[in-house]
């Protein structure tokens, strides 16, 4: 049985809101969110799945800012939808950590309470 966790979703389009969404943690769900290939970046207690097939022009400045503010020094530009989850003690996925959700709320001036 799959477990549902809250993911922090940062869409590429600025007209679409940053939001929390329950997601089943399986490959099919990640493919639906990223609509193609999936890349990965990891912080200390979180990870972000990224669309590796995104249009070269479809940058995601909100995800890039969130990743940088969360402590990751990026060399490149973030593209496509970003799906943030937490990492549990066994290096598995779990719901997005509260501190990352609060940071997104502050950065994007948007309440995200589940």
PDB file of N, CA and C in Angstrom:
ATOM      1  N   UNK A   1       0.832  -1.180   0.000  1.00  0.00           N
ATOM      2  CA  UNK A   1       0.000   0.000   0.000  1.00  0.00           C
ATOM      3  C   UNK A   1       0.878   1.245   0.000  1.00  0.00           C
ATOM      4  N   UNK A   2       0.570   2.197  -0.869  1.00  0.00           N
ATOM      5  CA  UNK A   2       1.342   3.427  -0.962  1.00  0.00           C
ATOM      6  C   UNK A   2       0.889   4.404   0.112  1.00  0.00           C
ATOM      7  N   UNK A   3       1.840   5.203   0.603  1.00  0.00           N
ATOM      8  CA  UNK A   3       1.540   6.200   1.606  1.00  0.00           C
ATOM      9  C   UNK A   3       1.503   7.571   0.956  1.00  0.00           C
ATOM     10  N   UNK A   4       0.499   8.357   1.319  1.00  0.00           N
ATOM     11  CA  UNK A   4       0.377   9.697   0.777  1.00  0.00           C
ATOM     12  C   UNK A   4       1.102  10.680   1.690  1.00  0.00           C
ATOM     13  N   UNK A   5       1.891  11.564   1.092  1.00  0.00           N
ATOM     14  CA  UNK A   5       2.609  12.607   1.823  1.00  0.00           C
ATOM     15  C   UNK A   5       2.353  13.944   1.146  1.00  0.00           C
ATOM     16  N   UNK A   6       2.454  15.019   1.917  1.00  0.00           N
ATOM     17  CA  UNK A   6       2.296  16.344   1.338  1.00  0.00           C
ATOM     18  C   UNK A   6       3.592  16.767   0.666  1.00  0.00           C
ATOM     19  N   UNK A   7       3.482  17.096  -0.603  1.00  0.00           N
ATOM     20  CA  UNK A   7       4.610  17.606  -1.380  1.00  0.00           C
ATOM     21  C   UNK A   7       4.416  19.103  -1.569  1.00  0.00           C
ATOM     22  N   UNK A   8       5.513  19.836  -1.552  1.00  0.00           N
ATOM     23  CA  UNK A   8       5.503  21.256  -1.864  1.00  0.00           C
ATOM     24  C   UNK A   8       5.783  21.377  -3.360  1.00  0.00           C
ATOM     25  N   UNK A   9       4.817  21.882  -4.111  1.00  0.00           N
ATOM     26  CA  UNK A   9       4.922  21.958  -5.568  1.00  0.00           C
ATOM     27  C   UNK A   9       5.156  23.413  -5.969  1.00  0.00           C
ATOM     28  N   UNK A  10       6.239  23.637  -6.723  1.00  0.00           N
ATOM     29  CA  UNK A  10       6.566  24.967  -7.236  1.00  0.00           C
ATOM     30  C   UNK A  10       6.501  24.883  -8.762  1.00  0.00           C
ATOM     31  N   UNK A  11       5.373  25.328  -9.343  1.00  0.00           N
ATOM     32  CA  UNK A  11       5.230  25.270 -10.795  1.00  0.00           C
ATOM     33  C   UNK A  11       6.164  26.251 -11.509  1.00  0.00           C
ATOM     34  N   UNK A  12       6.441  25.962 -12.746  1.00  0.00           N
ATOM     35  CA  UNK A  12       7.266  26.842 -13.565  1.00  0.00           C
ATOM     36  C   UNK A  12       6.549  28.160 -13.841  1.00  0.00           C
ATOM     37  N   UNK A  13       5.299  28.068 -14.231  1.00  0.00           N
ATOM     38  CA  UNK A  13       4.536  29.274 -14.575  1.00  0.00           C
ATOM     39  C   UNK A  13       4.250  30.106 -13.341  1.00  0.00           C
ATOM     40  N   UNK A  14       4.599  31.376 -13.401  1.00  0.00           N
ATOM     41  CA  UNK A  14       4.389  32.278 -12.271  1.00  0.00           C
ATOM     42  C   UNK A  14       2.911  32.532 -12.006  1.00  0.00           C
ATOM     43  N   UNK A  15       2.049  32.271 -12.970  1.00  0.00           N
ATOM     44  CA  UNK A  15       0.614  32.447 -12.778  1.00  0.00           C
ATOM     45  C   UNK A  15      -0.007  31.302 -11.984  1.00  0.00           C
ATOM     46  N   UNK A  16       0.723  30.204 -11.835  1.00  0.00           N
ATOM     47  CA  UNK A  16       0.240  29.074 -11.050  1.00  0.00           C
ATOM     48  C   UNK A  16       0.794  29.183  -9.637  1.00  0.00           C
ATOM     49  N   UNK A  17      -0.034  28.964  -8.622  1.00  0.00           N
ATOM     50  CA  UNK A  17       0.426  29.146  -7.246  1.00  0.00           C
ATOM     51  C   UNK A  17       1.338  28.015  -6.760  1.00  0.00           C
ATOM     52  N   UNK A  18       2.252  28.390  -5.874  1.00  0.00           N
ATOM     53  CA  UNK A  18       3.008  27.396  -5.116  1.00  0.00           C
ATOM     54  C   UNK A  18       1.993  26.775  -4.163  1.00  0.00           C
ATOM     55  N   UNK A  19       2.003  25.454  -4.031  1.00  0.00           N
ATOM     56  CA  UNK A  19       0.980  24.807  -3.219  1.00  0.00           C
ATOM     57  C   UNK A  19       1.472  23.487  -2.626  1.00  0.00           C
ATOM     58  N   UNK A  20       0.716  23.012  -1.648  1.00  0.00           N
ATOM     59  CA  UNK A  20       0.938  21.677  -1.088  1.00  0.00           C
ATOM     60  C   UNK A  20      -0.046  20.736  -1.760  1.00  0.00           C
ATOM     61  N   UNK A  21       0.424  19.528  -2.013  1.00  0.00           N
ATOM     62  CA  UNK A  21      -0.425  18.546  -2.658  1.00  0.00           C
ATOM     63  C   UNK A  21      -0.084  17.163  -2.118  1.00  0.00           C
ATOM     64  N   UNK A  22      -1.110  16.385  -1.743  1.00  0.00           N
ATOM     65  CA  UNK A  22      -0.830  15.005  -1.352  1.00  0.00           C
ATOM     66  C   UNK A  22      -0.379  14.217  -2.577  1.00  0.00           C
ATOM     67  N   UNK A  23       0.614  13.380  -2.383  1.00  0.00           N
ATOM     68  CA  UNK A  23       1.148  12.605  -3.505  1.00  0.00           C
ATOM     69  C   UNK A  23       1.513  11.210  -3.021  1.00  0.00           C
ATOM     70  N   UNK A  24       1.225  10.246  -3.858  1.00  0.00           N
ATOM     71  CA  UNK A  24       1.640   8.870  -3.593  1.00  0.00           C
ATOM     72  C   UNK A  24       3.098   8.756  -4.032  1.00  0.00           C
ATOM     73  N   UNK A  25       3.908   8.199  -3.185  1.00  0.00           N
ATOM     74  CA  UNK A  25       5.343   8.144  -3.462  1.00  0.00           C
ATOM     75  C   UNK A  25       5.707   6.919  -4.286  1.00  0.00           C
ATOM     76  N   UNK A  26       5.457   7.033  -5.589  1.00  0.00           N
ATOM     77  CA  UNK A  26       5.884   6.000  -6.518  1.00  0.00           C
ATOM     78  C   UNK A  26       6.348   6.682  -7.810  1.00  0.00           C
ATOM     79  N   UNK A  27       6.997   5.967  -8.667  1.00  0.00           N
ATOM     80  CA  UNK A  27       7.567   6.529  -9.894  1.00  0.00           C
ATOM     81  C   UNK A  27       6.505   7.141 -10.796  1.00  0.00           C
ATOM     82  N   UNK A  28       5.344   6.536 -10.851  1.00  0.00           N
ATOM     83  CA  UNK A  28       4.273   7.061 -11.694  1.00  0.00           C
ATOM     84  C   UNK A  28       3.873   8.458 -11.249  1.00  0.00           C
ATOM     85  N   UNK A  29       3.761   8.663  -9.934  1.00  0.00           N
ATOM     86  CA  UNK A  29       3.393   9.981  -9.419  1.00  0.00           C
ATOM     87  C   UNK A  29       4.445  11.018  -9.763  1.00  0.00           C
ATOM     88  N   UNK A  30       5.715  10.679  -9.619  1.00  0.00           N
ATOM     89  CA  UNK A  30       6.771  11.627  -9.952  1.00  0.00           C
ATOM     90  C   UNK A  30       6.747  11.971 -11.439  1.00  0.00           C
ATOM     91  N   UNK A  31       6.473  10.996 -12.286  1.00  0.00           N
ATOM     92  CA  UNK A  31       6.406  11.241 -13.723  1.00  0.00           C
ATOM     93  C   UNK A  31       5.244  12.163 -14.068  1.00  0.00           C
ATOM     94  N   UNK A  32       4.111  12.019 -13.366  1.00  0.00           N
ATOM     95  CA  UNK A  32       2.969  12.895 -13.610  1.00  0.00           C
ATOM     96  C   UNK A  32       3.310  14.334 -13.259  1.00  0.00           C
ATOM     97  N   UNK A  33       3.965  14.540 -12.152  1.00  0.00           N
ATOM     98  CA  UNK A  33       4.311  15.897 -11.728  1.00  0.00           C
ATOM     99  C   UNK A  33       5.334  16.506 -12.660  1.00  0.00           C
ATOM    100  N   UNK A  34       6.335  15.765 -13.019  1.00  0.00           N
ATOM    101  CA  UNK A  34       7.416  16.302 -13.845  1.00  0.00           C
ATOM    102  C   UNK A  34       7.138  16.160 -15.338  1.00  0.00           C
ATOM    103  N   UNK A  35       6.078  15.458 -15.691  1.00  0.00           N
ATOM    104  CA  UNK A  35       5.681  15.233 -17.089  1.00  0.00           C
ATOM    105  C   UNK A  35       6.840  14.786 -17.977  1.00  0.00           C
ATOM    106  N   UNK A  36       7.616  13.880 -17.483  1.00  0.00           N
ATOM    107  CA  UNK A  36       8.735  13.356 -18.262  1.00  0.00           C
ATOM    108  C   UNK A  36       9.832  12.854 -17.359  1.00  0.00           C
ATOM    109  N   UNK A  37      11.079  13.107 -17.736  1.00  0.00           N
ATOM    110  CA  UNK A  37      12.214  12.677 -16.931  1.00  0.00           C
ATOM    111  C   UNK A  37      12.296  13.451 -15.624  1.00  0.00           C
ATOM    112  N   UNK A  38      12.907  12.838 -14.639  1.00  0.00           N
ATOM    113  CA  UNK A  38      12.992  13.439 -13.312  1.00  0.00           C
ATOM    114  C   UNK A  38      14.446  13.518 -12.875  1.00  0.00           C
ATOM    115  N   UNK A  39      14.891  14.708 -12.454  1.00  0.00           N
ATOM    116  CA  UNK A  39      16.206  14.912 -11.869  1.00  0.00           C
ATOM    117  C   UNK A  39      16.045  15.090 -10.364  1.00  0.00           C
ATOM    118  N   UNK A  40      17.130  15.128  -9.631  1.00  0.00           N
ATOM    119  CA  UNK A  40      17.060  15.191  -8.178  1.00  0.00           C
ATOM    120  C   UNK A  40      18.168  16.069  -7.615  1.00  0.00           C
ATOM    121  N   UNK A  41      17.800  16.929  -6.658  1.00  0.00           N
ATOM    122  CA  UNK A  41      18.748  17.673  -5.828  1.00  0.00           C
ATOM    123  C   UNK A  41      18.368  17.376  -4.391  1.00  0.00           C
ATOM    124  N   UNK A  42      19.348  17.325  -3.495  1.00  0.00           N
ATOM    125  CA  UNK A  42      19.049  16.993  -2.113  1.00  0.00           C
ATOM    126  C   UNK A  42      19.680  17.977  -1.146  1.00  0.00           C
ATOM    127  N   UNK A  43      18.906  18.367  -0.133  1.00  0.00           N
ATOM    128  CA  UNK A  43      19.394  19.149   0.989  1.00  0.00           C
ATOM    129  C   UNK A  43      19.620  18.211   2.160  1.00  0.00           C
ATOM    130  N   UNK A  44      19.763  18.745   3.350  1.00  0.00           N
ATOM    131  CA  UNK A  44      20.040  17.895   4.509  1.00  0.00           C
ATOM    132  C   UNK A  44      18.844  17.042   4.910  1.00  0.00           C
ATOM    133  N   UNK A  45      17.643  17.623   4.887  1.00  0.00           N
ATOM    134  CA  UNK A  45      16.466  16.852   5.284  1.00  0.00           C
ATOM    135  C   UNK A  45      15.345  16.957   4.256  1.00  0.00           C
ATOM    136  N   UNK A  46      15.676  17.340   3.051  1.00  0.00           N
ATOM    137  CA  UNK A  46      14.699  17.465   1.980  1.00  0.00           C
ATOM    138  C   UNK A  46      15.336  17.105   0.652  1.00  0.00           C
ATOM    139  N   UNK A  47      14.484  16.905  -0.343  1.00  0.00           N
ATOM    140  CA  UNK A  47      14.949  16.674  -1.701  1.00  0.00           C
ATOM    141  C   UNK A  47      13.937  17.288  -2.649  1.00  0.00           C
ATOM    142  N   UNK A  48      14.389  17.572  -3.849  1.00  0.00           N
ATOM    143  CA  UNK A  48      13.507  18.160  -4.851  1.00  0.00           C
ATOM    144  C   UNK A  48      13.664  17.388  -6.156  1.00  0.00           C
ATOM    145  N   UNK A  49      12.525  16.971  -6.692  1.00  0.00           N
ATOM    146  CA  UNK A  49      12.492  16.320  -7.993  1.00  0.00           C
ATOM    147  C   UNK A  49      12.228  17.395  -9.037  1.00  0.00           C
ATOM    148  N   UNK A  50      12.984  17.357 -10.129  1.00  0.00           N
ATOM    149  CA  UNK A  50      12.904  18.371 -11.178  1.00  0.00           C
ATOM    150  C   UNK A  50      12.647  17.727 -12.525  1.00  0.00           C
ATOM    151  N   UNK A  51      11.957  18.460 -13.381  1.00  0.00           N
ATOM    152  CA  UNK A  51      11.658  18.000 -14.725  1.00  0.00           C
ATOM    153  C   UNK A  51      12.904  18.136 -15.593  1.00  0.00           C
ATOM    154  N   UNK A  52      13.515  17.039 -15.996  1.00  0.00           N
ATOM    155  CA  UNK A  52      14.734  17.083 -16.805  1.00  0.00           C
ATOM    156  C   UNK A  52      14.445  17.275 -18.287  1.00  0.00           C
ATOM    157  N   UNK A  53      13.165  17.189 -18.681  1.00  0.00           N
ATOM    158  CA  UNK A  53      12.793  17.378 -20.081  1.00  0.00           C
ATOM    159  C   UNK A  53      12.119  18.735 -20.309  1.00  0.00           C
ATOM    160  N   UNK A  54      12.252  19.647 -19.354  1.00  0.00           N
ATOM    161  CA  UNK A  54      11.583  20.947 -19.460  1.00  0.00           C
ATOM    162  C   UNK A  54      12.095  21.725 -20.662  1.00  0.00           C
ATOM    163  N   UNK A  55      11.231  22.532 -21.199  1.00  0.00           N
ATOM    164  CA  UNK A  55      11.594  23.438 -22.285  1.00  0.00           C
ATOM    165  C   UNK A  55      12.796  24.266 -21.838  1.00  0.00           C
ATOM    166  N   UNK A  56      13.773  24.435 -22.692  1.00  0.00           N
ATOM    167  CA  UNK A  56      14.998  25.188 -22.350  1.00  0.00           C
ATOM    168  C   UNK A  56      14.684  26.602 -21.872  1.00  0.00           C
ATOM    169  N   UNK A  57      13.549  27.162 -22.294  1.00  0.00           N
ATOM    170  CA  UNK A  57      13.189  28.516 -21.890  1.00  0.00           C
ATOM    171  C   UNK A  57      12.332  28.555 -20.632  1.00  0.00           C
ATOM    172  N   UNK A  58      11.842  27.401 -20.185  1.00  0.00           N
ATOM    173  CA  UNK A  58      10.928  27.337 -19.049  1.00  0.00           C
ATOM    174  C   UNK A  58      11.685  27.287 -17.723  1.00  0.00           C
ATOM    175  N   UNK A  59      12.268  28.404 -17.346  1.00  0.00           N
ATOM    176  CA  UNK A  59      12.992  28.450 -16.074  1.00  0.00           C
ATOM    177  C   UNK A  59      12.002  28.521 -14.914  1.00  0.00           C
ATOM    178  N   UNK A  60      12.472  28.159 -13.733  1.00  0.00           N
ATOM    179  CA  UNK A  60      11.635  28.193 -12.537  1.00  0.00           C
ATOM    180  C   UNK A  60      12.338  29.034 -11.476  1.00  0.00           C
ATOM    181  N   UNK A  61      12.209  30.364 -11.562  1.00  0.00           N
ATOM    182  CA  UNK A  61      12.923  31.230 -10.624  1.00  0.00           C
ATOM    183  C   UNK A  61      12.490  31.052  -9.175  1.00  0.00           C
ATOM    184  N   UNK A  62      11.219  30.722  -8.930  1.00  0.00           N
ATOM    185  CA  UNK A  62      10.772  30.521  -7.538  1.00  0.00           C
ATOM    186  C   UNK A  62      11.444  29.302  -6.933  1.00  0.00           C
ATOM    187  N   UNK A  63      11.515  28.207  -7.677  1.00  0.00           N
ATOM    188  CA  UNK A  63      12.181  27.006  -7.157  1.00  0.00           C
ATOM    189  C   UNK A  63      13.661  27.282  -6.934  1.00  0.00           C
ATOM    190  N   UNK A  64      14.266  28.022  -7.844  1.00  0.00           N
ATOM    191  CA  UNK A  64      15.686  28.350  -7.717  1.00  0.00           C
ATOM    192  C   UNK A  64      15.946  29.171  -6.462  1.00  0.00           C
ATOM    193  N   UNK A  65      15.106  30.163  -6.204  1.00  0.00           N
ATOM    194  CA  UNK A  65      15.258  30.990  -5.000  1.00  0.00           C
ATOM    195  C   UNK A  65      15.070  30.134  -3.746  1.00  0.00           C
ATOM    196  N   UNK A  66      14.051  29.295  -3.736  1.00  0.00           N
ATOM    197  CA  UNK A  66      13.787  28.446  -2.581  1.00  0.00           C
ATOM    198  C   UNK A  66      14.962  27.509  -2.308  1.00  0.00           C
ATOM    199  N   UNK A  67      15.503  26.911  -3.338  1.00  0.00           N
ATOM    200  CA  UNK A  67      16.640  25.998  -3.177  1.00  0.00           C
ATOM    201  C   UNK A  67      17.851  26.740  -2.630  1.00  0.00           C
ATOM    202  N   UNK A  68      18.123  27.915  -3.177  1.00  0.00           N
ATOM    203  CA  UNK A  68      19.268  28.712  -2.702  1.00  0.00           C
ATOM    204  C   UNK A  68      19.068  29.147  -1.248  1.00  0.00           C
ATOM    205  N   UNK A  69      17.873  29.629  -0.931  1.00  0.00           N
ATOM    206  CA  UNK A  69      17.587  30.079   0.439  1.00  0.00           C
ATOM    207  C   UNK A  69      17.593  28.923   1.436  1.00  0.00           C
ATOM    208  N   UNK A  70      17.345  27.714   0.956  1.00  0.00           N
ATOM    209  CA  UNK A  70      17.376  26.528   1.818  1.00  0.00           C
ATOM    210  C   UNK A  70      18.800  25.997   1.997  1.00  0.00           C
ATOM    211  N   UNK A  71      19.795  26.662   1.365  1.00  0.00           N
ATOM    212  CA  UNK A  71      21.180  26.324   1.639  1.00  0.00           C
ATOM    213  C   UNK A  71      21.952  25.598   0.565  1.00  0.00           C
ATOM    214  N   UNK A  72      21.393  25.434  -0.625  1.00  0.00           N
ATOM    215  CA  UNK A  72      22.106  24.745  -1.697  1.00  0.00           C
ATOM    216  C   UNK A  72      22.662  25.791  -2.664  1.00  0.00           C
ATOM    217  N   UNK A  73      23.956  25.730  -2.924  1.00  0.00           N
ATOM    218  CA  UNK A  73      24.599  26.631  -3.866  1.00  0.00           C
ATOM    219  C   UNK A  73      24.500  26.016  -5.256  1.00  0.00           C
ATOM    220  N   UNK A  74      23.693  26.620  -6.108  1.00  0.00           N
ATOM    221  CA  UNK A  74      23.457  26.081  -7.447  1.00  0.00           C
ATOM    222  C   UNK A  74      24.446  26.640  -8.449  1.00  0.00           C
ATOM    223  N   UNK A  75      24.859  25.796  -9.387  1.00  0.00           N
ATOM    224  CA  UNK A  75      25.709  26.244 -10.489  1.00  0.00           C
ATOM    225  C   UNK A  75      24.884  26.651 -11.700  1.00  0.00           C
ATOM    226  N   UNK A  76      23.711  26.063 -11.850  1.00  0.00           N
ATOM    227  CA  UNK A  76      22.914  26.304 -13.047  1.00  0.00           C
ATOM    228  C   UNK A  76      21.560  26.891 -12.719  1.00  0.00           C
ATOM    229  N   UNK A  77      20.683  26.829 -13.711  1.00  0.00           N
ATOM    230  CA  UNK A  77      19.328  27.350 -13.601  1.00  0.00           C
ATOM    231  C   UNK A  77      18.362  26.189 -13.433  1.00  0.00           C
ATOM    232  N   UNK A  78      17.353  26.392 -12.593  1.00  0.00           N
ATOM    233  CA  UNK A  78      16.319  25.378 -12.396  1.00  0.00           C
ATOM    234  C   UNK A  78      15.260  25.549 -13.479  1.00  0.00           C
ATOM    235  N   UNK A  79      14.841  24.435 -14.051  1.00  0.00           N
ATOM    236  CA  UNK A  79      13.836  24.443 -15.118  1.00  0.00           C
ATOM    237  C   UNK A  79      12.732  23.443 -14.792  1.00  0.00           C
ATOM    238  N   UNK A  80      11.534  23.780 -15.158  1.00  0.00           N
ATOM    239  CA  UNK A  80      10.396  22.877 -14.990  1.00  0.00           C
ATOM    240  C   UNK A  80       9.830  22.876 -13.581  1.00  0.00           C
ATOM    241  N   UNK A  81       8.747  22.145 -13.418  1.00  0.00           N
ATOM    242  CA  UNK A  81       8.082  22.010 -12.131  1.00  0.00           C
ATOM    243  C   UNK A  81       9.022  21.378 -11.116  1.00  0.00           C
ATOM    244  N   UNK A  82       8.972  21.897  -9.878  1.00  0.00           N
ATOM    245  CA  UNK A  82       9.796  21.354  -8.797  1.00  0.00           C
ATOM    246  C   UNK A  82       8.883  20.764  -7.727  1.00  0.00           C
ATOM    247  N   UNK A  83       9.191  19.560  -7.292  1.00  0.00           N
ATOM    248  CA  UNK A  83       8.413  18.841  -6.285  1.00  0.00           C
ATOM    249  C   UNK A  83       9.311  18.588  -5.089  1.00  0.00           C
ATOM    250  N   UNK A  84       9.050  19.282  -3.975  1.00  0.00           N
ATOM    251  CA  UNK A  84       9.864  19.168  -2.766  1.00  0.00           C
ATOM    252  C   UNK A  84       9.235  18.182  -1.800  1.00  0.00           C
ATOM    253  N   UNK A  85      10.049  17.268  -1.295  1.00  0.00           N
ATOM    254  CA  UNK A  85       9.642  16.296  -0.281  1.00  0.00           C
ATOM    255  C   UNK A  85      10.676  16.291   0.831  1.00  0.00           C
ATOM    256  N   UNK A  86      10.338  15.646   1.927  1.00  0.00           N
ATOM    257  CA  UNK A  86      11.293  15.465   3.009  1.00  0.00           C
ATOM    258  C   UNK A  86      12.049  14.163   2.845  1.00  0.00           C
ATOM    259  N   UNK A  87      13.111  14.031   3.640  1.00  0.00           N
ATOM    260  CA  UNK A  87      13.880  12.781   3.688  1.00  0.00           C
ATOM    261  C   UNK A  87      13.777  12.225   5.091  1.00  0.00           C
ATOM    262  N   UNK A  88      13.395  10.965   5.198  1.00  0.00           N
ATOM    263  CA  UNK A  88      13.310  10.370   6.532  1.00  0.00           C
ATOM    264  C   UNK A  88      14.672   9.826   6.960  1.00  0.00           C
ATOM    265  N   UNK A  89      14.740   9.264   8.131  1.00  0.00           N
ATOM    266  CA  UNK A  89      16.021   8.803   8.691  1.00  0.00           C
ATOM    267  C   UNK A  89      16.634   7.643   7.915  1.00  0.00           C
ATOM    268  N   UNK A  90      15.836   6.960   7.102  1.00  0.00           N
ATOM    269  CA  UNK A  90      16.340   5.850   6.278  1.00  0.00           C
ATOM    270  C   UNK A  90      16.604   6.293   4.852  1.00  0.00           C
ATOM    271  N   UNK A  91      16.697   7.623   4.607  1.00  0.00           N
ATOM    272  CA  UNK A  91      16.897   8.207   3.282  1.00  0.00           C
ATOM    273  C   UNK A  91      15.756   7.913   2.315  1.00  0.00           C
ATOM    274  N   UNK A  92      14.580   7.664   2.859  1.00  0.00           N
ATOM    275  CA  UNK A  92      13.392   7.530   2.023  1.00  0.00           C
ATOM    276  C   UNK A  92      12.659   8.859   1.991  1.00  0.00           C
ATOM    277  N   UNK A  93      11.656   8.959   1.133  1.00  0.00           N
ATOM    278  CA  UNK A  93      10.887  10.183   1.022  1.00  0.00           C
ATOM    279  C   UNK A  93       9.789  10.231   2.074  1.00  0.00           C
ATOM    280  N   UNK A  94       9.465  11.454   2.506  1.00  0.00           N
ATOM    281  CA  UNK A  94       8.347  11.709   3.396  1.00  0.00           C
ATOM    282  C   UNK A  94       7.803  13.093   3.034  1.00  0.00           C
ATOM    283  N   UNK A  95       6.830  13.569   3.776  1.00  0.00           N
ATOM    284  CA  UNK A  95       6.242  14.872   3.475  1.00  0.00           C
ATOM    285  C   UNK A  95       7.268  15.996   3.568  1.00  0.00           C
ATOM    286  N   UNK A  96       7.015  17.079   2.828  1.00  0.00           N
ATOM    287  CA  UNK A  96       7.905  18.249   2.841  1.00  0.00           C
ATOM    288  C   UNK A  96       8.064  18.750   4.273  1.00  0.00           C
ATOM    289  N   UNK A  97       9.296  19.046   4.692  1.00  0.00           N
ATOM    290  CA  UNK A  97       9.519  19.491   6.070  1.00  0.00           C
ATOM    291  C   UNK A  97       8.904  20.867   6.336  1.00  0.00           C
ATOM    292  N   UNK A  98       8.449  21.059   7.570  1.00  0.00           N
ATOM    293  CA  UNK A  98       7.794  22.296   7.962  1.00  0.00           C
ATOM    294  C   UNK A  98       8.634  23.536   7.723  1.00  0.00           C
ATOM    295  N   UNK A  99       9.951  23.455   7.986  1.00  0.00           N
ATOM    296  CA  UNK A  99      10.787  24.639   7.811  1.00  0.00           C
ATOM    297  C   UNK A  99      10.866  25.056   6.350  1.00  0.00           C
ATOM    298  N   UNK A 100      10.803  24.103   5.423  1.00  0.00           N
ATOM    299  CA  UNK A 100      10.832  24.418   3.994  1.00  0.00           C
ATOM    300  C   UNK A 100       9.500  25.043   3.562  1.00  0.00           C
ATOM    301  N   UNK A 101       8.408  24.532   4.109  1.00  0.00           N
ATOM    302  CA  UNK A 101       7.083  25.097   3.819  1.00  0.00           C
ATOM    303  C   UNK A 101       7.009  26.532   4.343  1.00  0.00           C
ATOM    304  N   UNK A 102       7.485  26.762   5.572  1.00  0.00           N
ATOM    305  CA  UNK A 102       7.474  28.124   6.132  1.00  0.00           C
ATOM    306  C   UNK A 102       8.349  29.069   5.314  1.00  0.00           C
ATOM    307  N   UNK A 103       9.498  28.594   4.853  1.00  0.00           N
ATOM    308  CA  UNK A 103      10.380  29.404   4.018  1.00  0.00           C
ATOM    309  C   UNK A 103       9.672  29.781   2.714  1.00  0.00           C
ATOM    310  N   UNK A 104       8.987  28.837   2.093  1.00  0.00           N
ATOM    311  CA  UNK A 104       8.244  29.121   0.860  1.00  0.00           C
ATOM    312  C   UNK A 104       7.130  30.131   1.138  1.00  0.00           C
ATOM    313  N   UNK A 105       6.452  30.000   2.260  1.00  0.00           N
ATOM    314  CA  UNK A 105       5.405  30.964   2.615  1.00  0.00           C
ATOM    315  C   UNK A 105       5.985  32.374   2.735  1.00  0.00           C
ATOM    316  N   UNK A 106       7.140  32.485   3.365  1.00  0.00           N
ATOM    317  CA  UNK A 106       7.776  33.795   3.532  1.00  0.00           C
ATOM    318  C   UNK A 106       8.261  34.356   2.197  1.00  0.00           C
ATOM    319  N   UNK A 107       8.918  33.535   1.410  1.00  0.00           N
ATOM    320  CA  UNK A 107       9.469  34.000   0.144  1.00  0.00           C
ATOM    321  C   UNK A 107       8.405  34.407  -0.864  1.00  0.00           C
ATOM    322  N   UNK A 108       7.302  33.676  -0.897  1.00  0.00           N
ATOM    323  CA  UNK A 108       6.301  33.895  -1.926  1.00  0.00           C
ATOM    324  C   UNK A 108       5.020  34.522  -1.376  1.00  0.00           C
ATOM    325  N   UNK A 109       5.067  34.937  -0.104  1.00  0.00           N
ATOM    326  CA  UNK A 109       3.953  35.628   0.536  1.00  0.00           C
ATOM    327  C   UNK A 109       2.631  34.907   0.279  1.00  0.00           C
ATOM    328  N   UNK A 110       2.662  33.607   0.578  1.00  0.00           N
ATOM    329  CA  UNK A 110       1.493  32.774   0.293  1.00  0.00           C
ATOM    330  C   UNK A 110       1.337  31.725   1.384  1.00  0.00           C
ATOM    331  N   UNK A 111       0.199  31.721   2.108  1.00  0.00           N
ATOM    332  CA  UNK A 111      -0.029  30.686   3.121  1.00  0.00           C
ATOM    333  C   UNK A 111      -0.210  29.318   2.458  1.00  0.00           C
ATOM    334  N   UNK A 112       0.447  28.313   3.006  1.00  0.00           N
ATOM    335  CA  UNK A 112       0.415  26.982   2.401  1.00  0.00           C
ATOM    336  C   UNK A 112      -0.111  25.907   3.350  1.00  0.00           C
ATOM    337  N   UNK A 113      -0.753  26.290   4.419  1.00  0.00           N
ATOM    338  CA  UNK A 113      -1.218  25.306   5.410  1.00  0.00           C
ATOM    339  C   UNK A 113      -2.021  24.200   4.732  1.00  0.00           C
ATOM    340  N   UNK A 114      -1.699  22.972   5.148  1.00  0.00           N
ATOM    341  CA  UNK A 114      -2.364  21.800   4.539  1.00  0.00           C
ATOM    342  C   UNK A 114      -3.765  21.635   5.071  1.00  0.00           C
TER     343      UNK A 114
END
